[in-house]
Structure formats: C-alpha cells, structure tokens
Amino acid sequence: MGALGGLRQDLFHDAFAYRPLAPLAGDGPLIRRLPARIRRYAAWTPHAVVAAGALLVLLIGASTTSGAFGLVLLVLTAVPAATVLMTLVRPVLAFWASLATTPFLAVLAGTWGEWPWAPATIASHLAVLTVVAARTRPRAAFWMWLLTGTYGLFAESVLGRGYPGATAPLMFVAAVALLVVALAQVRRDAEREVAAQQSVTAVERDRRTLLEERTTIARELHDVVAHHMSVVAIQAEAAPYRVENPPPELEQAFVTIRENAVAALTELRRVLGVVRAEDYEAPDAPQPTLADLDGLLGNVRDAGLEVGLAVTGAVRPLPPGVELSAYRIVQEALSNALRHAPGASAKVEVSYVLGGLGVRVVNGPVRGLVKPARHPVDSPGRGLRPPLSTGTGHGLTGMRERVSMLNGEMTTGPTEDGGYEVAVFLPVVREETA
C-alpha cells in the first residue's frame, strides 16, 4: 500500500506540478574555482545540458527519418525534442508526454521493425528518464522504468504485428542510466547529511566550550565570594562584643546577619558541587591577582617567550573579581602567543585609569613568516610549554566571557606589523574601590 501510495503521489498527483529547474549554487565546489566572469554563466550548466540533449534528439530524428518532408518531418523531430525541454519546467508531465507520443510518432515514421519505438523517441525517452530521475526521488525513477517496460512489452505483444521491438535494449540502457543517477543522488544526500551533522556538531562544540568557560569562571569566583561571606559572618559574630551592653535588638540583628551569611556559604558550596567537573581539584593557593603578574611573566619567559610589562596610572586595589579576570586574560593571551606565535616577543600593558582598568597584550610577528600571526581558539599547540593555567584552553572565548561578566569591552585583531593584539577595558565602580 505504501508503494502504491508513492506511485500515485509521484506520478499522478504531481503530474502537472510546475517545478522549474533551479540554477546551480554560486558557492559550489566546482563553480568556486572558475573565474568570476564565467561563474555566473556556469550556474546554468544543467539547463545547457538539457538543451544540448534536445538538440541531439532533434538531429537523430532528422538523420534517421527517410521519406518524410515538410510538416511530418517537423513533427517527427520537434515533438521528441520538445518532451526533453519540458523536463526543465514539468518533469513528470514530460515523462507521460514521452510515453503518449511514442506510438503516434512510430506510426507516422513507419518504423514497425522497432515498434513502438523510433530512433528519435528512444533517445528522447532515455533523456527524459534520466533528467526526471535526477529531479525526483529514486522511487519515482523506479516506477517510471517499470511503467516504460510494461508499456513497451504490451505494445510489442499486442500491437506490434509480430515484429520484435527495442524495448529490451531500451530497458537495459535505462536501468544503467537510472542506477548511476540514483547512486549520485544517494551520495549527494549523504554529503548533505554529513554537512548538516558537522554544522550541528560545531554548534554543540561551541556551546560546550562556552559552558566550560562559564563553569571555570564560576568556580574561581566562588572563592572570592566565599571569602567575603566568611568575613561578613565573622564580623557579625564579633560585633556585639565590641559594644558594651548592646541592646537585645542589635544582638539579634547581628545573629540574623551571621545566620544568613552562613546559609549563603552553604548554598555556594552546593552550587560549586553542581558545576565542579569530575576531575576537578580545589586549588590550594588563593586566586591570583594583578600582584602575581611578575610570577606569571617569569613562567612565560622560562617557556621561551620574551615578554615585558608596563604599568601606568596610580596603582590601587581593585575588586577581587576584576583583578582575577584581568590576571586570567593576560595569562590566556600569553598562552595564545606561545602556541600560535612561536619566536615572537610580547608586551603586557596594565593601565589604572579613572573608572576602570585597561589591559593590553600584544605580540610581534612570527619570525620567518610574512602573513600576520593568528590566534585560532582551538588550534593545536606548537610544542612550546605554555604557562600553568587553570582554564580550559579555549582562548578568546574565555576572555570574552570574563569581559562580558564585568560589562567590559574587548577588541582583538592583527596589528600593522603582522602581530596580534588583545585590548580589554574592565569598568570599576567608584564605590567598590573605596
């Protein structure tokens, strides 16, 4: 029932469907290699192939028709060519038109030896079968091939007057052509599915990378927040002892503050347990700050990267989250320079400005290369040891997440001398720096 339903849908319900043949995509693998002035014409290659097939059918009809002149010759040559051209706009109707006109053209040409086929109709029907099979599903091509064989054998046995026809050779050649078309369609569909799966995989990989970076940032900020909450709890517990004979209302207020701080610490530990990876180990040392940049640069120099540090502005303490993010951004930028710009020198600039902190990391061009150094996020390393990092190694993605968390701004890109630059501004609210 399913097969018969497919037959009705493909060859009867959609028989008069208007389906113009679309030009080739301009970004195809073959068209991309052509010159620009030829590329726009190459998109119409399928239409040119069908037109060439119609012209070939026309020439076959004119060369094999003997004793026909005038209107008869025009009909014998033009009708098969027209059915081939019809596949450009109404492919299924072209198949039915080719079958329907075959016996009339055979009678008109007097080719009883090849009944119900004439040389022109054989060529046109093969062309129609091939084009329609390429424009429809393999199931429709099988039904067309089966109907052609049934029609040809019936015409030979019932209406052929005992003459052997050309149905068997036609069916063999048509089967080979349809098999080739079906294999090409299967391969094309498989390539599309693979491309779609690769696109989905790339999206999922980017999403997983983003989640990993956010998880890393959450784990690091847990220590900062937990420290502040612990200070709040300790101060709330000690505050009543700093005042002689505090009123009961004040004591109860401090008790409530301490209880809320302890509850918040408990919830923070639970959240950390949710985002902690299976192989995560809590760091023994406190989270780094900008005061630890000298140690970071020392590790980088030991790894083979010549790097300098310039600090401008009035150095002042910043919120722990800002200092931690600035440190991690410098760390990741230098790691990228080690991996993707071997042999280049780097410079770190830290600017304490009004309203925030500016960080700029720039490396020079790669020695021995002419084109600018690039920092692909997920490119493999070059064999140089990067500085110790607790991040996931996703480069620019992690930097952007840290900057976005602090409502900052970040710009990246190649420099004029062929190097690469990472510039970040992290805003700092004035009350936080007090």
Protein backbone atom coordinates (compact mmCIF):
# COMPACT_ATOMS: atom_id res chain seq x y z
CA MET A 1 0.00 0.00 0.00
CA GLY A 2 2.85 2.34 0.77
CA ALA A 3 4.45 1.65 -2.60
CA LEU A 4 1.19 2.24 -4.46
CA GLY A 5 0.64 5.42 -2.48
CA GLY A 6 4.08 6.59 -3.54
CA LEU A 7 3.25 5.79 -7.17
CA ARG A 8 0.07 7.87 -7.03
CA GLN A 9 1.84 10.76 -5.32
CA ASP A 10 4.91 10.86 -7.56
CA LEU A 11 3.47 10.15 -10.99
CA PHE A 12 -0.24 11.07 -10.83
CA HIS A 13 -0.92 13.72 -8.19
CA ASP A 14 2.22 15.67 -9.12
CA ALA A 15 1.97 15.03 -12.86
CA PHE A 16 1.21 18.67 -13.73
CA ALA A 17 3.32 20.23 -10.97
CA TYR A 18 5.28 23.26 -12.14
CA ARG A 19 8.84 22.72 -11.00
CA PRO A 20 11.33 24.91 -12.88
CA LEU A 21 14.90 23.69 -12.75
CA ALA A 22 16.90 25.99 -10.47
CA PRO A 23 20.41 27.13 -11.40
CA LEU A 24 23.41 25.76 -9.58
CA ALA A 25 24.50 27.39 -6.34
CA GLY A 26 27.19 30.01 -6.81
CA ASP A 27 29.27 28.61 -3.93
CA GLY A 28 29.51 25.05 -5.25
CA PRO A 29 32.87 23.23 -5.11
CA LEU A 30 33.34 23.42 -8.91
CA ILE A 31 31.89 26.85 -9.59
CA ARG A 32 34.09 28.46 -6.91
CA ARG A 33 37.21 27.53 -8.91
CA LEU A 34 36.01 29.29 -12.08
CA PRO A 35 36.83 32.91 -12.96
CA ALA A 36 34.30 35.48 -11.80
CA ARG A 37 33.16 36.39 -15.32
CA ILE A 38 32.41 32.73 -16.13
CA ARG A 39 30.93 31.84 -12.76
CA ARG A 40 27.56 33.49 -13.34
CA TYR A 41 27.08 31.59 -16.59
CA ALA A 42 28.25 28.27 -15.13
CA ALA A 43 25.22 28.26 -12.82
CA TRP A 44 23.06 27.49 -15.87
CA THR A 45 25.03 24.36 -16.82
CA PRO A 46 22.10 21.93 -16.16
CA HIS A 47 19.84 23.91 -18.48
CA ALA A 48 22.53 23.89 -21.16
CA VAL A 49 22.95 20.12 -20.81
CA VAL A 50 19.19 19.54 -21.23
CA ALA A 51 19.11 21.88 -24.25
CA ALA A 52 22.05 20.00 -25.77
CA GLY A 53 20.17 16.74 -25.25
CA ALA A 54 17.12 18.14 -27.01
CA LEU A 55 19.31 19.29 -29.91
CA LEU A 56 20.86 15.83 -30.14
CA VAL A 57 17.40 14.23 -30.25
CA LEU A 58 16.43 16.67 -32.98
CA LEU A 59 19.47 15.71 -35.06
CA ILE A 60 18.84 11.99 -34.52
CA GLY A 61 15.25 12.39 -35.68
CA ALA A 62 16.27 14.35 -38.76
CA SER A 63 19.01 11.89 -39.77
CA THR A 64 17.01 8.67 -39.24
CA THR A 65 13.72 9.76 -40.80
CA SER A 66 13.61 8.88 -44.50
CA GLY A 67 10.84 9.76 -46.91
CA ALA A 68 9.31 12.38 -44.61
CA PHE A 69 9.18 16.03 -45.57
CA GLY A 70 7.51 19.22 -44.52
CA LEU A 71 5.11 19.09 -41.61
CA VAL A 72 5.64 15.35 -41.00
CA LEU A 73 9.39 15.80 -40.65
CA LEU A 74 8.83 18.75 -38.33
CA VAL A 75 6.56 16.69 -36.09
CA LEU A 76 8.88 13.67 -36.04
CA THR A 77 11.84 15.79 -34.97
CA ALA A 78 10.32 18.59 -32.90
CA VAL A 79 7.99 16.57 -30.65
CA PRO A 80 10.71 14.32 -29.10
CA ALA A 81 12.96 17.36 -28.61
CA ALA A 82 10.08 19.27 -27.00
CA THR A 83 9.50 16.48 -24.46
CA VAL A 84 13.14 16.73 -23.44
CA LEU A 85 12.87 20.50 -22.98
CA MET A 86 9.66 20.02 -20.98
CA THR A 87 11.70 18.38 -18.21
CA LEU A 88 13.00 21.86 -17.34
CA VAL A 89 9.59 23.01 -16.04
CA ARG A 90 7.25 19.99 -15.69
CA PRO A 91 9.39 16.85 -15.33
CA VAL A 92 6.68 14.27 -14.54
CA LEU A 93 4.43 15.57 -17.32
CA ALA A 94 7.37 15.23 -19.72
CA PHE A 95 7.57 11.52 -18.88
CA TRP A 96 3.90 10.96 -19.62
CA ALA A 97 4.11 13.04 -22.80
CA SER A 98 7.06 10.95 -24.00
CA LEU A 99 5.13 7.70 -23.46
CA ALA A 100 1.92 9.05 -25.01
CA THR A 101 3.55 10.39 -28.19
CA THR A 102 5.70 7.30 -28.83
CA PRO A 103 3.12 5.15 -30.71
CA PHE A 104 1.87 8.07 -32.83
CA LEU A 105 5.37 9.02 -33.87
CA ALA A 106 6.16 5.35 -34.63
CA VAL A 107 3.12 5.09 -36.89
CA LEU A 108 3.93 8.42 -38.54
CA ALA A 109 7.53 7.34 -39.17
CA GLY A 110 6.54 3.82 -40.27
CA THR A 111 9.14 2.13 -38.03
CA TRP A 112 7.29 -1.15 -37.46
CA GLY A 113 10.56 -3.03 -37.05
CA GLU A 114 11.24 -1.24 -33.74
CA TRP A 115 7.65 -0.83 -32.61
CA PRO A 116 6.65 1.10 -30.55
CA TRP A 117 9.95 2.97 -30.60
CA ALA A 118 11.64 5.09 -33.24
CA PRO A 119 15.28 6.18 -33.02
CA ALA A 120 14.30 9.71 -32.01
CA THR A 121 11.80 8.52 -29.40
CA ILE A 122 14.32 6.08 -27.92
CA ALA A 123 16.85 8.87 -27.46
CA SER A 124 14.26 11.33 -26.15
CA HIS A 125 12.76 8.83 -23.70
CA LEU A 126 16.20 7.92 -22.32
CA ALA A 127 16.94 11.62 -21.87
CA VAL A 128 13.57 12.22 -20.21
CA LEU A 129 14.01 9.27 -17.84
CA THR A 130 17.48 10.42 -16.84
CA VAL A 131 16.55 14.07 -16.25
CA VAL A 132 13.32 13.27 -14.41
CA ALA A 133 15.10 10.69 -12.25
CA ALA A 134 17.71 13.31 -11.36
CA ARG A 135 14.98 15.78 -10.36
CA THR A 136 12.81 13.36 -8.35
CA ARG A 137 13.29 10.61 -5.81
CA PRO A 138 14.82 7.19 -6.68
CA ARG A 139 11.42 5.62 -6.03
CA ALA A 140 9.85 7.71 -8.77
CA ALA A 141 12.65 6.70 -11.16
CA PHE A 142 11.94 3.03 -10.45
CA TRP A 143 8.22 3.49 -11.17
CA MET A 144 8.99 5.27 -14.44
CA TRP A 145 11.34 2.49 -15.50
CA LEU A 146 8.75 -0.18 -14.62
CA LEU A 147 5.94 1.63 -16.46
CA THR A 148 8.16 2.06 -19.51
CA GLY A 149 8.93 -1.68 -19.61
CA THR A 150 5.28 -2.64 -19.09
CA TYR A 151 4.13 -0.26 -21.79
CA GLY A 152 6.81 -1.40 -24.26
CA LEU A 153 6.17 -5.13 -23.76
CA PHE A 154 2.40 -4.65 -24.03
CA ALA A 155 2.79 -2.64 -27.25
CA GLU A 156 5.13 -5.23 -28.74
CA SER A 157 2.97 -8.26 -27.88
CA VAL A 158 -0.47 -6.79 -28.58
CA LEU A 159 0.04 -4.04 -31.16
CA GLY A 160 3.36 -4.98 -32.72
CA ARG A 161 2.08 -7.26 -35.53
CA GLY A 162 4.71 -9.81 -34.61
CA TYR A 163 7.71 -7.51 -35.10
CA PRO A 164 10.39 -7.66 -32.40
CA GLY A 165 10.75 -4.29 -30.69
CA ALA A 166 13.54 -2.37 -28.99
CA THR A 167 12.03 -2.47 -25.50
CA ALA A 168 14.60 -4.88 -24.02
CA PRO A 169 17.70 -2.88 -25.10
CA LEU A 170 15.97 0.32 -24.02
CA MET A 171 15.21 -1.09 -20.60
CA PHE A 172 18.80 -2.22 -20.11
CA VAL A 173 20.32 1.13 -21.05
CA ALA A 174 17.69 2.97 -18.99
CA ALA A 175 18.42 0.78 -15.95
CA VAL A 176 22.13 1.59 -16.15
CA ALA A 177 21.43 5.32 -16.51
CA LEU A 178 18.92 5.37 -13.64
CA LEU A 179 21.29 3.38 -11.44
CA VAL A 180 24.03 5.94 -11.99
CA VAL A 181 21.61 8.79 -11.23
CA ALA A 182 20.34 7.03 -8.09
CA LEU A 183 23.90 6.49 -6.81
CA ALA A 184 24.70 10.16 -7.44
CA GLN A 185 21.56 11.18 -5.52
CA VAL A 186 22.39 8.90 -2.61
CA ARG A 187 25.90 10.34 -2.43
CA ARG A 188 24.59 13.90 -2.62
CA ASP A 189 22.07 13.25 0.16
CA ALA A 190 24.76 11.64 2.27
CA GLU A 191 27.04 14.66 1.80
CA ARG A 192 24.20 16.97 2.82
CA GLU A 193 23.50 14.91 5.93
CA VAL A 194 27.18 14.90 6.84
CA ALA A 195 27.39 18.66 6.31
CA ALA A 196 24.29 19.20 8.45
CA GLN A 197 25.68 16.91 11.16
CA GLN A 198 29.01 18.73 11.09
CA SER A 199 27.19 22.04 11.47
CA VAL A 200 25.22 20.72 14.44
CA THR A 201 28.40 19.28 15.94
CA ALA A 202 30.18 22.62 15.56
CA VAL A 203 27.31 24.42 17.28
CA GLU A 204 27.28 21.90 20.11
CA ARG A 205 31.05 22.15 20.47
CA ASP A 206 30.88 25.94 20.68
CA ARG A 207 28.10 25.68 23.23
CA ARG A 208 30.06 23.17 25.29
CA THR A 209 33.13 25.40 25.13
CA LEU A 210 31.07 28.34 26.36
CA LEU A 211 29.64 26.32 29.23
CA GLU A 212 33.08 25.07 30.21
CA GLU A 213 34.41 28.61 30.35
CA ARG A 214 31.46 29.81 32.40
CA THR A 215 31.90 26.88 34.77
CA THR A 216 35.57 27.71 35.22
CA ILE A 217 34.74 31.35 35.95
CA ALA A 218 32.05 30.29 38.43
CA ARG A 219 34.48 28.02 40.28
CA GLU A 220 37.07 30.78 40.50
CA LEU A 221 34.61 33.42 41.67
CA HIS A 222 33.29 31.03 44.31
CA ASP A 223 36.47 31.54 46.31
CA VAL A 224 36.16 35.32 46.07
CA VAL A 225 32.51 35.38 47.14
CA ALA A 226 33.06 32.78 49.85
CA HIS A 227 35.85 34.90 51.33
CA HIS A 228 33.62 37.97 51.55
CA MET A 229 30.75 35.99 53.04
CA SER A 230 33.08 34.46 55.63
CA VAL A 231 34.28 37.94 56.62
CA VAL A 232 30.65 39.08 56.96
CA ALA A 233 29.83 36.10 59.20
CA ILE A 234 32.89 36.62 61.43
CA GLN A 235 32.33 40.36 61.78
CA ALA A 236 28.64 39.84 62.56
CA GLU A 237 29.57 37.36 65.29
CA ALA A 238 32.23 39.62 66.79
CA ALA A 239 30.35 42.93 66.51
CA PRO A 240 28.26 42.57 69.72
CA TYR A 241 31.43 42.15 71.79
CA ARG A 242 32.78 45.48 70.53
CA VAL A 243 29.90 47.38 72.16
CA GLU A 244 29.36 47.48 75.91
CA ASN A 245 25.89 46.31 76.90
CA PRO A 246 24.44 46.18 73.36
CA PRO A 247 20.66 46.25 73.18
CA PRO A 248 18.92 42.90 72.52
CA GLU A 249 17.62 44.16 69.17
CA LEU A 250 21.17 44.84 67.97
CA GLU A 251 22.38 41.43 69.14
CA GLN A 252 19.50 39.74 67.34
CA ALA A 253 20.25 41.71 64.17
CA PHE A 254 23.87 40.54 64.18
CA VAL A 255 22.76 36.96 64.84
CA THR A 256 20.44 37.17 61.83
CA ILE A 257 23.22 38.58 59.66
CA ARG A 258 25.57 35.77 60.68
CA GLU A 259 22.94 33.09 60.06
CA ASN A 260 22.21 34.49 56.59
CA ALA A 261 25.94 34.63 55.75
CA VAL A 262 26.45 31.02 56.86
CA ALA A 263 23.39 29.93 54.86
CA ALA A 264 24.73 31.74 51.81
CA LEU A 265 28.08 29.96 52.21
CA THR A 266 26.29 26.62 52.37
CA GLU A 267 24.38 27.35 49.18
CA LEU A 268 27.59 28.47 47.46
CA ARG A 269 29.20 25.14 48.30
CA ARG A 270 26.20 23.33 46.82
CA VAL A 271 26.41 25.39 43.64
CA LEU A 272 30.11 24.67 43.38
CA GLY A 273 29.35 20.97 43.72
CA VAL A 274 26.97 21.20 40.78
CA VAL A 275 29.44 22.92 38.44
CA ARG A 276 32.50 21.00 39.57
CA ALA A 277 33.91 18.62 36.95
CA GLU A 278 34.65 15.01 37.87
CA ASP A 279 38.40 15.59 37.71
CA TYR A 280 38.29 18.99 39.42
CA GLU A 281 40.66 19.53 42.30
CA ALA A 282 40.25 22.56 44.52
CA PRO A 283 43.34 24.79 44.37
CA ASP A 284 45.47 25.02 47.49
CA ALA A 285 46.60 28.59 46.81
CA PRO A 286 44.30 31.62 46.78
CA GLN A 287 43.08 33.01 43.49
CA PRO A 288 45.73 35.15 41.74
CA THR A 289 45.62 38.93 41.47
CA LEU A 290 47.48 41.55 39.47
CA ALA A 291 50.21 41.50 42.12
CA ASP A 292 51.09 37.99 40.85
CA LEU A 293 51.81 39.13 37.29
CA ASP A 294 55.56 39.12 37.85
CA GLY A 295 55.47 35.41 38.64
CA LEU A 296 53.32 34.73 35.59
CA LEU A 297 55.70 36.62 33.31
CA GLY A 298 58.62 34.71 34.80
CA ASN A 299 56.98 31.41 33.86
CA VAL A 300 56.33 32.71 30.37
CA ARG A 301 59.95 33.76 29.93
CA ASP A 302 61.07 30.32 31.08
CA ALA A 303 58.82 28.84 28.37
CA GLY A 304 60.70 30.80 25.69
CA LEU A 305 58.61 33.94 25.15
CA GLU A 306 60.30 37.30 25.56
CA VAL A 307 57.74 39.47 27.34
CA GLY A 308 57.78 42.86 29.02
CA LEU A 309 55.43 44.60 31.46
CA ALA A 310 54.42 48.26 31.61
CA VAL A 311 52.16 49.62 34.36
CA THR A 312 50.70 53.13 34.04
CA GLY A 313 48.48 55.13 36.34
CA ALA A 314 48.10 55.12 40.09
CA VAL A 315 48.20 51.51 41.26
CA ARG A 316 45.31 50.87 43.62
CA PRO A 317 43.47 47.81 44.97
CA LEU A 318 40.58 46.69 42.76
CA PRO A 319 37.69 44.32 43.47
CA PRO A 320 38.93 40.71 43.60
CA GLY A 321 36.76 39.70 40.64
CA VAL A 322 38.28 42.40 38.44
CA GLU A 323 41.86 41.53 39.42
CA LEU A 324 41.24 37.81 38.92
CA SER A 325 39.68 38.36 35.48
CA ALA A 326 42.49 40.70 34.41
CA TYR A 327 45.09 38.14 35.51
CA ARG A 328 43.36 35.32 33.62
CA ILE A 329 43.04 37.44 30.47
CA VAL A 330 46.77 38.20 30.49
CA GLN A 331 47.50 34.54 31.17
CA GLU A 332 45.36 33.29 28.29
CA ALA A 333 46.67 35.93 25.88
CA LEU A 334 50.27 34.97 26.61
CA SER A 335 49.40 31.28 26.27
CA ASN A 336 47.98 32.04 22.82
CA ALA A 337 51.16 33.90 21.90
CA LEU A 338 53.23 30.87 22.94
CA ARG A 339 51.09 28.46 20.94
CA HIS A 340 50.45 30.46 17.78
CA ALA A 341 53.33 32.93 17.51
CA PRO A 342 56.49 30.95 18.31
CA GLY A 343 59.62 33.07 18.39
CA ALA A 344 57.76 36.38 18.69
CA SER A 345 58.10 38.84 21.56
CA ALA A 346 55.18 40.13 23.62
CA LYS A 347 54.33 43.11 25.78
CA VAL A 348 51.78 43.47 28.58
CA GLU A 349 50.36 46.89 29.44
CA VAL A 350 48.24 47.46 32.56
CA SER A 351 46.65 50.89 32.87
CA TYR A 352 44.92 52.12 36.03
CA VAL A 353 42.56 54.76 34.68
CA LEU A 354 39.62 56.68 36.03
CA GLY A 355 36.63 54.39 36.09
CA GLY A 356 38.34 51.11 35.39
CA LEU A 357 41.33 49.04 34.35
CA GLY A 358 42.86 48.74 30.90
CA VAL A 359 44.79 45.64 29.85
CA ARG A 360 46.61 45.27 26.54
CA VAL A 361 48.63 42.26 25.42
CA VAL A 362 50.35 42.47 22.05
CA ASN A 363 52.85 40.13 20.41
CA GLY A 364 55.11 40.82 17.46
CA PRO A 365 55.12 38.98 14.12
CA VAL A 366 56.16 35.35 13.90
CA ARG A 367 59.77 35.08 12.88
CA GLY A 368 60.22 33.65 9.40
CA LEU A 369 56.58 34.26 8.37
CA VAL A 370 55.21 37.09 6.25
CA LYS A 371 51.50 36.86 6.92
CA PRO A 372 50.09 38.05 10.27
CA ALA A 373 50.00 35.68 13.20
CA ARG A 374 46.55 34.48 14.05
CA HIS A 375 45.14 33.10 17.25
CA PRO A 376 42.60 30.38 16.37
CA VAL A 377 40.81 29.42 19.53
CA ASP A 378 41.10 25.66 19.20
CA SER A 379 44.30 25.26 17.17
CA PRO A 380 46.80 22.68 18.39
CA GLY A 381 49.95 23.75 20.17
CA ARG A 382 53.36 24.23 18.58
CA GLY A 383 55.33 22.17 21.07
CA LEU A 384 56.16 25.08 23.43
CA ARG A 385 55.17 24.84 27.07
CA PRO A 386 52.51 27.40 27.95
CA PRO A 387 52.31 28.88 31.43
CA LEU A 388 50.39 26.95 34.04
CA SER A 389 46.70 27.69 33.52
CA THR A 390 43.57 26.51 35.27
CA GLY A 391 41.38 27.45 32.32
CA THR A 392 40.05 25.10 29.67
CA GLY A 393 42.31 26.49 26.96
CA HIS A 394 39.59 27.91 24.74
CA GLY A 395 41.38 31.25 24.36
CA LEU A 396 39.28 34.11 23.11
CA THR A 397 36.03 32.51 24.24
CA GLY A 398 37.10 32.56 27.88
CA MET A 399 38.37 36.12 27.61
CA ARG A 400 35.09 37.36 26.15
CA GLU A 401 33.11 35.61 28.87
CA ARG A 402 35.15 37.25 31.63
CA VAL A 403 34.86 40.68 30.00
CA SER A 404 31.13 40.24 29.43
CA MET A 405 30.64 39.22 33.07
CA LEU A 406 32.13 42.55 34.18
CA ASN A 407 30.32 44.60 31.48
CA GLY A 408 33.64 45.47 29.92
CA GLU A 409 34.87 45.91 26.36
CA MET A 410 37.29 43.78 24.36
CA THR A 411 38.90 44.15 20.95
CA THR A 412 41.19 41.70 19.18
CA GLY A 413 42.89 41.59 15.83
CA PRO A 414 46.16 41.68 13.89
CA THR A 415 48.46 44.66 14.22
CA GLU A 416 50.03 46.62 11.38
CA ASP A 417 53.40 44.92 11.77
CA GLY A 418 51.90 41.42 11.50
CA GLY A 419 51.46 40.68 15.19
CA TYR A 420 48.31 40.27 17.24
CA GLU A 421 46.67 42.43 19.91
CA VAL A 422 44.19 41.83 22.73
CA ALA A 423 42.87 45.02 24.34
CA VAL A 424 40.43 44.93 27.28
CA PHE A 425 38.78 47.56 29.46
CA LEU A 426 37.19 46.45 32.74
CA PRO A 427 34.97 49.10 34.39
CA VAL A 428 35.23 49.57 38.15
CA VAL A 429 32.52 51.31 40.12
CA ARG A 430 33.97 54.01 42.34
CA GLU A 431 32.28 52.72 45.48
CA GLU A 432 33.94 49.32 45.01
CA THR A 433 37.40 50.84 45.07
CA ALA A 434 36.85 52.75 48.29
